[in-house]
């Protein structure tokens, strides 16, 4: 069977900004503090976190150094939280159904 290349979709862009924001918030850092320590402007950091600005590798390295993470981690796929929530709901309902069937 031949593959239909017209159906090919490019993978989502890396979630660099999401990862940087979450890492910063996990460390209770402000944008101002992270930007200062990474030696970039706060507005540039804000743009990166919102996905409006594509950081250079040098900037990613500087941000990661301050956050204590490795640059490669910024390109790992972000979890699909909607799918995870759906799986949790299915598991909860399945457990309730099994308990009801078993008389529990």
N, C-alpha and C. Protein backbone atom coordinates (compact mmCIF):
# COMPACT_ATOMS: atom_id res chain seq x y z
N UNK A 1 0.85 -1.18 0.00
CA UNK A 1 0.00 0.00 0.00
C UNK A 1 0.89 1.24 0.00
N UNK A 2 0.61 2.16 -0.86
CA UNK A 2 1.40 3.38 -0.98
C UNK A 2 0.97 4.39 0.08
N UNK A 3 1.94 5.13 0.56
CA UNK A 3 1.65 6.16 1.56
C UNK A 3 1.22 7.44 0.86
N UNK A 4 0.16 8.05 1.34
CA UNK A 4 -0.34 9.30 0.77
C UNK A 4 0.40 10.46 1.43
N UNK A 5 1.38 11.02 0.73
CA UNK A 5 2.19 12.08 1.29
C UNK A 5 1.41 13.37 1.48
N UNK A 6 0.26 13.51 0.81
CA UNK A 6 -0.55 14.72 0.99
C UNK A 6 -1.17 14.76 2.38
N UNK A 7 -1.28 13.61 3.03
CA UNK A 7 -1.85 13.56 4.38
C UNK A 7 -0.80 13.83 5.45
N UNK A 8 0.48 13.88 5.05
CA UNK A 8 1.56 14.11 6.01
C UNK A 8 1.41 15.47 6.66
N UNK A 9 1.49 15.49 7.97
CA UNK A 9 1.47 16.76 8.69
C UNK A 9 2.80 16.92 9.39
N UNK A 10 3.34 18.12 9.30
CA UNK A 10 4.57 18.40 10.02
C UNK A 10 4.30 18.29 11.51
N UNK A 11 5.24 17.78 12.28
CA UNK A 11 5.04 17.74 13.73
C UNK A 11 4.94 19.14 14.30
N UNK A 12 4.30 19.24 15.44
CA UNK A 12 4.18 20.54 16.09
C UNK A 12 5.56 21.12 16.34
N UNK A 13 5.62 22.43 16.36
CA UNK A 13 6.88 23.10 16.66
C UNK A 13 7.33 22.70 18.06
N UNK A 14 8.61 22.72 18.30
CA UNK A 14 9.09 22.40 19.65
C UNK A 14 8.44 23.32 20.68
N UNK A 15 8.28 22.82 21.83
CA UNK A 15 7.61 23.56 22.90
C UNK A 15 8.60 24.28 23.79
N UNK A 16 9.60 24.85 23.19
CA UNK A 16 10.67 25.51 23.94
C UNK A 16 10.09 26.50 24.95
N UNK A 17 9.21 27.38 24.47
CA UNK A 17 8.66 28.42 25.34
C UNK A 17 7.86 27.85 26.50
N UNK A 18 7.04 26.83 26.22
CA UNK A 18 6.25 26.20 27.28
C UNK A 18 7.17 25.60 28.34
N UNK A 19 8.21 24.92 27.87
CA UNK A 19 9.15 24.28 28.79
C UNK A 19 9.88 25.30 29.64
N UNK A 20 10.34 26.38 29.00
CA UNK A 20 11.06 27.43 29.73
C UNK A 20 10.15 28.05 30.78
N UNK A 21 8.92 28.39 30.39
CA UNK A 21 7.98 29.00 31.33
C UNK A 21 7.71 28.07 32.52
N UNK A 22 7.42 26.80 32.23
CA UNK A 22 7.11 25.86 33.31
C UNK A 22 8.31 25.67 34.23
N UNK A 23 9.49 25.56 33.65
CA UNK A 23 10.71 25.39 34.46
C UNK A 23 10.94 26.62 35.34
N UNK A 24 10.72 27.79 34.76
CA UNK A 24 10.89 29.04 35.53
C UNK A 24 9.89 29.10 36.67
N UNK A 25 8.64 28.79 36.40
CA UNK A 25 7.60 28.84 37.43
C UNK A 25 7.84 27.78 38.51
N UNK A 26 8.31 26.60 38.10
CA UNK A 26 8.63 25.55 39.08
C UNK A 26 9.70 26.00 40.06
N UNK A 27 10.56 26.90 39.62
CA UNK A 27 11.64 27.42 40.47
C UNK A 27 11.28 28.74 41.12
N UNK A 28 10.01 29.14 40.98
CA UNK A 28 9.49 30.37 41.58
C UNK A 28 10.31 31.59 41.16
N UNK A 29 10.71 31.60 39.89
CA UNK A 29 11.49 32.72 39.37
C UNK A 29 10.57 33.64 38.56
N UNK A 30 10.86 34.91 38.59
CA UNK A 30 10.14 35.85 37.74
C UNK A 30 10.82 35.90 36.37
N UNK A 31 10.10 36.42 35.39
CA UNK A 31 10.71 36.60 34.08
C UNK A 31 11.90 37.55 34.18
N UNK A 32 11.73 38.58 34.99
CA UNK A 32 12.81 39.57 35.14
C UNK A 32 14.07 38.91 35.68
N UNK A 33 13.93 38.07 36.69
CA UNK A 33 15.09 37.41 37.29
C UNK A 33 15.76 36.45 36.30
N UNK A 34 14.97 35.62 35.62
CA UNK A 34 15.54 34.68 34.67
C UNK A 34 16.23 35.41 33.52
N UNK A 35 15.58 36.44 33.00
CA UNK A 35 16.15 37.19 31.89
C UNK A 35 17.48 37.84 32.30
N UNK A 36 17.50 38.43 33.48
CA UNK A 36 18.73 39.08 33.96
C UNK A 36 19.86 38.07 34.10
N UNK A 37 19.57 36.93 34.71
CA UNK A 37 20.61 35.92 34.92
C UNK A 37 21.07 35.27 33.62
N UNK A 38 20.17 35.21 32.62
CA UNK A 38 20.54 34.63 31.32
C UNK A 38 21.08 35.69 30.36
N UNK A 39 21.05 36.93 30.82
CA UNK A 39 21.56 38.06 30.04
C UNK A 39 20.81 38.28 28.72
N UNK A 40 19.48 38.22 28.83
CA UNK A 40 18.62 38.58 27.71
C UNK A 40 17.57 39.56 28.24
N UNK A 41 16.84 40.20 27.35
CA UNK A 41 15.82 41.15 27.81
C UNK A 41 14.58 40.39 28.29
N UNK A 42 13.86 41.00 29.20
CA UNK A 42 12.63 40.39 29.69
C UNK A 42 11.60 40.27 28.58
N UNK A 43 11.55 41.25 27.68
CA UNK A 43 10.58 41.19 26.59
C UNK A 43 10.91 40.04 25.62
N UNK A 44 12.20 39.77 25.42
CA UNK A 44 12.59 38.63 24.58
C UNK A 44 12.16 37.33 25.26
N UNK A 45 12.40 37.21 26.55
CA UNK A 45 11.98 36.02 27.29
C UNK A 45 10.47 35.85 27.22
N UNK A 46 9.73 36.93 27.38
CA UNK A 46 8.28 36.88 27.31
C UNK A 46 7.83 36.35 25.94
N UNK A 47 8.47 36.84 24.89
CA UNK A 47 8.14 36.38 23.54
C UNK A 47 8.44 34.91 23.34
N UNK A 48 9.54 34.45 23.90
CA UNK A 48 9.91 33.03 23.81
C UNK A 48 8.86 32.19 24.53
N UNK A 49 8.51 32.57 25.74
CA UNK A 49 7.55 31.80 26.52
C UNK A 49 6.17 31.75 25.86
N UNK A 50 5.80 32.80 25.15
CA UNK A 50 4.49 32.84 24.48
C UNK A 50 4.53 32.28 23.07
N UNK A 51 5.71 31.82 22.63
CA UNK A 51 5.84 31.24 21.30
C UNK A 51 5.88 32.27 20.18
N UNK A 52 6.13 33.53 20.53
CA UNK A 52 6.18 34.59 19.53
C UNK A 52 7.58 34.84 19.01
N UNK A 53 8.56 34.35 19.72
CA UNK A 53 9.96 34.57 19.36
C UNK A 53 10.69 33.23 19.39
N UNK A 54 11.46 32.96 18.37
CA UNK A 54 12.23 31.72 18.28
C UNK A 54 13.63 31.99 18.82
N UNK A 55 14.01 31.38 19.94
CA UNK A 55 15.32 31.67 20.52
C UNK A 55 16.45 30.99 19.76
N UNK A 56 17.60 31.63 19.77
CA UNK A 56 18.79 30.99 19.20
C UNK A 56 19.26 29.91 20.17
N UNK A 57 20.12 29.04 19.68
CA UNK A 57 20.64 28.00 20.55
C UNK A 57 21.43 28.60 21.71
N UNK A 58 22.13 29.69 21.46
CA UNK A 58 22.90 30.37 22.51
C UNK A 58 21.96 30.81 23.63
N UNK A 59 20.81 31.36 23.27
CA UNK A 59 19.85 31.83 24.27
C UNK A 59 19.25 30.64 25.02
N UNK A 60 18.92 29.57 24.29
CA UNK A 60 18.39 28.37 24.95
C UNK A 60 19.40 27.83 25.96
N UNK A 61 20.67 27.77 25.56
CA UNK A 61 21.71 27.29 26.48
C UNK A 61 21.80 28.18 27.72
N UNK A 62 21.74 29.49 27.53
CA UNK A 62 21.83 30.41 28.67
C UNK A 62 20.64 30.22 29.61
N UNK A 63 19.44 30.11 29.05
CA UNK A 63 18.25 29.91 29.89
C UNK A 63 18.33 28.58 30.63
N UNK A 64 18.75 27.54 29.93
CA UNK A 64 18.85 26.22 30.55
C UNK A 64 19.90 26.19 31.65
N UNK A 65 20.99 26.88 31.43
CA UNK A 65 22.05 26.95 32.45
C UNK A 65 21.48 27.53 33.74
N UNK A 66 20.73 28.62 33.62
CA UNK A 66 20.15 29.26 34.81
C UNK A 66 19.11 28.35 35.45
N UNK A 67 18.33 27.65 34.63
CA UNK A 67 17.24 26.81 35.15
C UNK A 67 17.73 25.44 35.63
N UNK A 68 18.98 25.10 35.30
CA UNK A 68 19.52 23.81 35.74
C UNK A 68 18.97 22.63 34.96
N UNK A 69 18.68 22.84 33.68
CA UNK A 69 18.21 21.75 32.82
C UNK A 69 19.11 21.68 31.59
N UNK A 70 18.96 20.61 30.83
CA UNK A 70 19.75 20.43 29.61
C UNK A 70 18.99 20.98 28.41
N UNK A 71 19.68 21.59 27.46
CA UNK A 71 19.00 22.14 26.28
C UNK A 71 18.13 21.14 25.52
N UNK A 72 18.57 19.88 25.42
CA UNK A 72 17.79 18.90 24.67
C UNK A 72 16.41 18.70 25.27
N UNK A 73 16.27 18.96 26.57
CA UNK A 73 14.97 18.77 27.21
C UNK A 73 13.92 19.74 26.68
N UNK A 74 14.36 20.88 26.14
CA UNK A 74 13.40 21.86 25.64
C UNK A 74 12.71 21.39 24.37
N UNK A 75 13.26 20.37 23.70
CA UNK A 75 12.65 19.89 22.47
C UNK A 75 11.93 18.57 22.64
N UNK A 76 11.83 18.06 23.83
CA UNK A 76 11.03 16.87 24.07
C UNK A 76 9.57 17.23 23.83
N UNK A 77 8.77 16.32 23.30
CA UNK A 77 7.37 16.66 23.05
C UNK A 77 6.62 16.95 24.35
N UNK A 78 5.80 17.98 24.30
CA UNK A 78 4.97 18.32 25.45
C UNK A 78 3.87 17.28 25.59
N UNK A 79 3.53 16.90 26.80
CA UNK A 79 2.47 15.92 26.97
C UNK A 79 1.13 16.49 26.51
N UNK A 80 0.30 15.62 25.95
CA UNK A 80 -1.04 16.02 25.52
C UNK A 80 -1.95 15.92 26.75
N UNK A 81 -2.12 17.02 27.44
CA UNK A 81 -2.86 16.99 28.71
C UNK A 81 -4.31 16.63 28.51
N UNK A 82 -4.89 16.97 27.36
CA UNK A 82 -6.28 16.61 27.11
C UNK A 82 -6.43 15.10 27.02
N UNK A 83 -5.50 14.45 26.34
CA UNK A 83 -5.53 12.99 26.22
C UNK A 83 -5.30 12.33 27.57
N UNK A 84 -4.39 12.89 28.35
CA UNK A 84 -4.11 12.34 29.68
C UNK A 84 -5.35 12.46 30.57
N UNK A 85 -6.02 13.60 30.53
CA UNK A 85 -7.24 13.78 31.31
C UNK A 85 -8.32 12.79 30.88
N UNK A 86 -8.45 12.56 29.57
CA UNK A 86 -9.44 11.61 29.06
C UNK A 86 -9.13 10.20 29.55
N UNK A 87 -7.86 9.81 29.52
CA UNK A 87 -7.48 8.48 30.00
C UNK A 87 -7.77 8.32 31.49
N UNK A 88 -7.52 9.36 32.27
CA UNK A 88 -7.84 9.31 33.70
C UNK A 88 -9.33 9.10 33.92
N UNK A 89 -10.15 9.85 33.16
CA UNK A 89 -11.60 9.72 33.28
C UNK A 89 -12.05 8.31 32.92
N UNK A 90 -11.50 7.75 31.84
CA UNK A 90 -11.85 6.39 31.43
C UNK A 90 -11.46 5.41 32.52
N UNK A 91 -10.28 5.56 33.09
CA UNK A 91 -9.84 4.67 34.16
C UNK A 91 -10.74 4.75 35.39
N UNK A 92 -11.13 5.97 35.76
CA UNK A 92 -12.01 6.15 36.92
C UNK A 92 -13.35 5.49 36.68
N UNK A 93 -13.93 5.69 35.50
CA UNK A 93 -15.25 5.10 35.19
C UNK A 93 -15.17 3.58 35.09
N UNK A 94 -14.07 3.07 34.55
CA UNK A 94 -13.88 1.62 34.46
C UNK A 94 -13.79 1.02 35.86
N UNK A 95 -13.06 1.68 36.74
CA UNK A 95 -12.93 1.21 38.11
C UNK A 95 -14.28 1.20 38.82
N UNK A 96 -15.06 2.26 38.65
CA UNK A 96 -16.40 2.31 39.26
C UNK A 96 -17.30 1.22 38.72
N UNK A 97 -17.23 0.97 37.42
CA UNK A 97 -18.03 -0.08 36.81
C UNK A 97 -17.63 -1.45 37.35
N UNK A 98 -16.34 -1.71 37.46
CA UNK A 98 -15.86 -2.98 38.01
C UNK A 98 -16.30 -3.15 39.47
N UNK A 99 -16.24 -2.08 40.24
CA UNK A 99 -16.67 -2.15 41.63
C UNK A 99 -18.16 -2.44 41.72
N UNK A 100 -18.95 -1.84 40.84
CA UNK A 100 -20.40 -2.05 40.84
C UNK A 100 -20.73 -3.49 40.46
N UNK A 101 -20.02 -4.03 39.47
CA UNK A 101 -20.25 -5.41 39.03
C UNK A 101 -19.87 -6.41 40.12
N UNK A 102 -18.81 -6.09 40.86
CA UNK A 102 -18.34 -6.99 41.92
C UNK A 102 -19.11 -6.78 43.21
N UNK A 103 -20.00 -5.82 43.23
CA UNK A 103 -20.79 -5.57 44.43
C UNK A 103 -20.06 -4.76 45.47
N UNK A 104 -19.03 -4.03 45.05
CA UNK A 104 -18.20 -3.26 45.97
C UNK A 104 -18.63 -1.89 46.05
